[in-house]
Amino acid sequence: MRLCFASNNAHKLDEIRPLLPATVELLSLADIGCEVELPETQDTLEGNARQKAQYVWDHFGVACFADDTGLEVTALGGEPGVYSARYAGPQRLSEDNVRKLLQELQGQPDRSARFRTVVALVLPGNEVHEFAGTVEGHITEAPQGTDGFGYDPIFQPAEGDGRTFAQMTLAEKNTISHRSRAVQGLVGFLAGN
């Protein structure tokens, strides 16, 4: 089965590729000739994931899945949430986002947070399916580790061994991450159909 992952984020492609069965040929946006920035104008993760996958289906006619992920920090009322990628501005720089989040949390005793991913799959006939994954954890006082991307250097999963996502190998992160849990739902659905 040929399936496009609607993301321009090479890190996400690297995370998802090993999670998919060998029967799925994973295509990138570049593989299908999509060079535009996909729309993300919805106010929920579910809405953004659906919007991106639907755009690819409507414009390229390729079965597609897209994800949207948000870091939801308890002390900030769930922010940055759906705005995680552009929390510090439209330039979408991870370092700026991390810096802003740490500033917002200065002096906050509650540093609990969770990562949540929603994957939307659009199949021929405009058949849409959604899968979600969550991982609980907390925000560290300072970045730790050099692997991963985004907020990984400051997110310490509750299920882990005290390391941030950025201190884990990709294989280790994939055993507990929000994205891998959502993709496992997708994989289970594909296997059953």
Protein backbone atom coordinates (compact mmCIF):
# COMPACT_ATOMS: atom_id res chain seq x y z
CA MET A 1 0.00 0.00 0.00
CA ARG A 2 1.27 3.47 -0.90
CA LEU A 3 0.58 6.00 1.82
CA CYS A 4 1.75 9.59 2.07
CA PHE A 5 2.68 11.15 5.39
CA ALA A 6 1.65 14.80 5.14
CA SER A 7 4.57 16.44 6.86
CA ASN A 8 7.58 18.49 5.81
CA ASN A 9 9.27 17.58 9.11
CA ALA A 10 12.11 15.13 8.36
CA HIS A 11 12.37 14.26 12.07
CA LYS A 12 8.76 13.07 12.11
CA LEU A 13 9.35 10.97 8.98
CA ASP A 14 12.35 9.36 10.67
CA GLU A 15 10.26 8.58 13.77
CA ILE A 16 7.33 7.11 11.87
CA ARG A 17 9.10 5.08 9.18
CA PRO A 18 10.27 2.25 11.50
CA LEU A 19 6.80 1.99 13.07
CA LEU A 20 5.03 1.09 9.82
CA PRO A 21 4.81 -2.46 8.47
CA ALA A 22 6.92 -3.41 5.45
CA THR A 23 3.70 -3.64 3.39
CA VAL A 24 3.34 0.16 3.54
CA GLU A 25 5.38 2.25 1.10
CA LEU A 26 5.74 5.55 2.95
CA LEU A 27 5.78 8.57 0.67
CA SER A 28 6.83 12.05 1.70
CA LEU A 29 5.26 15.25 0.44
CA ALA A 30 8.30 15.68 -1.82
CA ASP A 31 7.69 12.20 -3.28
CA ILE A 32 4.23 13.24 -4.48
CA GLY A 33 5.35 16.68 -5.69
CA CYS A 34 3.71 18.69 -2.92
CA GLU A 35 5.86 21.73 -2.31
CA VAL A 36 3.34 23.99 -0.55
CA GLU A 37 3.05 24.63 3.17
CA LEU A 38 0.02 22.61 4.23
CA PRO A 39 -2.80 24.53 5.90
CA GLU A 40 -3.06 24.38 9.70
CA THR A 41 -5.78 26.89 10.47
CA GLN A 42 -7.94 24.85 12.84
CA ASP A 43 -8.08 25.43 16.59
CA THR A 44 -7.72 21.76 17.57
CA LEU A 45 -5.13 19.07 16.94
CA GLU A 46 -7.85 16.90 15.41
CA GLY A 47 -8.89 19.68 13.04
CA ASN A 48 -5.36 20.40 11.88
CA ALA A 49 -4.55 16.72 11.29
CA ARG A 50 -7.73 16.26 9.24
CA GLN A 51 -7.16 19.49 7.32
CA LYS A 52 -3.64 18.51 6.23
CA ALA A 53 -4.54 14.95 5.22
CA GLN A 54 -7.66 16.13 3.39
CA TYR A 55 -5.63 18.74 1.49
CA VAL A 56 -3.25 16.07 0.17
CA TRP A 57 -6.12 13.80 -0.85
CA ASP A 58 -8.04 16.64 -2.53
CA HIS A 59 -5.03 18.02 -4.45
CA PHE A 60 -2.93 14.90 -5.16
CA GLY A 61 -5.35 11.97 -4.93
CA VAL A 62 -3.01 9.98 -2.69
CA ALA A 63 -4.12 8.10 0.42
CA CYS A 64 -2.62 10.11 3.21
CA PHE A 65 -2.21 10.53 6.92
CA ALA A 66 -1.21 13.63 8.83
CA ASP A 67 -0.54 14.33 12.45
CA ASP A 68 -0.72 17.29 14.73
CA THR A 69 0.96 17.29 18.10
CA GLY A 70 0.65 19.58 21.05
CA LEU A 71 2.48 19.96 24.32
CA GLU A 72 -0.12 20.69 26.98
CA VAL A 73 1.31 22.21 30.18
CA THR A 74 -0.96 22.08 33.23
CA ALA A 75 0.23 25.32 34.86
CA LEU A 76 -0.34 27.18 31.58
CA GLY A 77 -3.93 25.98 31.16
CA GLY A 78 -2.98 23.51 28.43
CA GLU A 79 -0.76 25.88 26.45
CA PRO A 80 0.96 25.86 24.08
CA GLY A 81 -1.31 23.04 22.82
CA VAL A 82 -2.33 23.41 19.21
CA TYR A 83 0.11 26.35 18.91
CA SER A 84 3.15 24.34 20.07
CA ALA A 85 5.13 24.68 16.82
CA ARG A 86 4.62 28.45 16.66
CA TYR A 87 4.46 29.24 20.38
CA ALA A 88 7.21 31.88 20.18
CA GLY A 89 6.18 33.16 16.75
CA PRO A 90 5.54 32.23 13.12
CA GLN A 91 9.21 31.41 12.49
CA ARG A 92 8.63 28.04 14.26
CA LEU A 93 12.07 27.83 15.88
CA SER A 94 12.32 25.09 18.49
CA GLU A 95 14.94 26.95 20.52
CA ASP A 96 12.68 30.01 20.79
CA ASN A 97 9.68 27.89 21.75
CA VAL A 98 11.65 26.09 24.48
CA ARG A 99 13.04 29.36 25.80
CA LYS A 100 9.58 30.95 25.97
CA LEU A 101 8.06 27.93 27.70
CA LEU A 102 10.79 27.82 30.34
CA GLN A 103 10.31 31.56 30.97
CA GLU A 104 6.55 31.08 31.35
CA LEU A 105 7.15 28.33 33.91
CA GLN A 106 9.67 30.21 36.05
CA GLY A 107 8.62 29.86 39.68
CA GLN A 108 5.80 27.43 38.89
CA PRO A 109 5.82 24.45 41.27
CA ASP A 110 3.55 22.39 38.99
CA ARG A 111 5.55 21.43 35.89
CA SER A 112 3.31 18.55 34.79
CA ALA A 113 2.61 18.29 31.09
CA ARG A 114 1.60 15.89 28.42
CA PHE A 115 2.30 15.41 24.76
CA ARG A 116 -0.74 14.56 22.66
CA THR A 117 -0.74 13.48 19.02
CA VAL A 118 -3.70 13.02 16.71
CA VAL A 119 -3.26 11.19 13.40
CA ALA A 120 -5.90 11.56 10.69
CA LEU A 121 -6.00 9.06 7.83
CA VAL A 122 -7.84 9.90 4.59
CA LEU A 123 -8.49 7.01 2.23
CA PRO A 124 -10.16 6.82 -1.20
CA GLY A 125 -13.80 7.83 -1.02
CA ASN A 126 -12.98 10.48 1.59
CA GLU A 127 -13.00 7.84 4.30
CA VAL A 128 -11.50 9.52 7.39
CA HIS A 129 -10.18 7.79 10.52
CA GLU A 130 -8.48 9.29 13.58
CA PHE A 131 -6.02 7.83 16.09
CA ALA A 132 -4.65 9.48 19.22
CA GLY A 133 -1.69 8.98 21.52
CA THR A 134 -0.71 10.65 24.79
CA VAL A 135 2.28 10.54 27.11
CA GLU A 136 2.31 12.17 30.53
CA GLY A 137 5.40 13.80 32.01
CA HIS A 138 6.82 17.08 33.23
CA ILE A 139 8.91 19.98 32.04
CA THR A 140 12.51 20.08 33.26
CA GLU A 141 14.16 23.24 34.59
CA ALA A 142 16.64 23.32 31.69
CA PRO A 143 17.21 21.50 28.39
CA GLN A 144 18.86 18.08 28.67
CA GLY A 145 20.06 15.98 25.75
CA THR A 146 20.81 16.59 22.09
CA ASP A 147 18.64 14.07 20.24
CA GLY A 148 15.05 14.52 19.15
CA PHE A 149 13.47 17.83 18.20
CA GLY A 150 11.03 20.44 19.37
CA TYR A 151 10.37 20.29 23.10
CA ASP A 152 12.17 16.93 23.53
CA PRO A 153 15.08 18.44 25.54
CA ILE A 154 12.71 19.68 28.27
CA PHE A 155 10.08 16.92 28.35
CA GLN A 156 10.69 14.09 30.81
CA PRO A 157 8.12 11.30 30.36
CA ALA A 158 6.63 9.85 33.55
CA GLU A 159 7.08 6.30 32.23
CA GLY A 160 10.78 6.74 31.54
CA ASP A 161 13.90 6.39 33.62
CA GLY A 162 14.40 10.08 34.39
CA ARG A 163 15.75 11.09 30.99
CA THR A 164 14.17 13.60 28.63
CA PHE A 165 13.09 12.52 25.16
CA ALA A 166 16.23 14.25 23.84
CA GLN A 167 18.40 11.95 25.97
CA MET A 168 16.84 8.82 24.46
CA THR A 169 17.61 7.05 21.23
CA LEU A 170 14.88 7.13 18.62
CA ALA A 171 14.12 3.47 19.33
CA GLU A 172 13.77 4.17 23.06
CA LYS A 173 11.54 7.18 22.46
CA ASN A 174 9.36 5.17 20.08
CA THR A 175 8.52 2.66 22.81
CA ILE A 176 6.61 5.27 24.85
CA SER A 177 6.04 8.38 22.74
CA HIS A 178 2.72 10.01 21.96
CA ARG A 179 3.38 9.84 18.23
CA SER A 180 4.26 6.15 18.27
CA ARG A 181 1.06 5.40 20.22
CA ALA A 182 -1.07 7.25 17.68
CA VAL A 183 0.76 5.54 14.81
CA GLN A 184 0.24 2.14 16.46
CA GLY A 185 -3.49 2.82 16.23
CA LEU A 186 -3.05 3.60 12.55
CA VAL A 187 -0.97 0.44 12.01
CA GLY A 188 -3.57 -1.69 13.77
CA PHE A 189 -6.28 -0.25 11.57
CA LEU A 190 -4.28 -0.85 8.37
CA ALA A 191 -3.50 -4.43 9.42
CA GLY A 192 -7.20 -5.12 9.93
CA ASN A 193 -8.24 -3.73 6.56
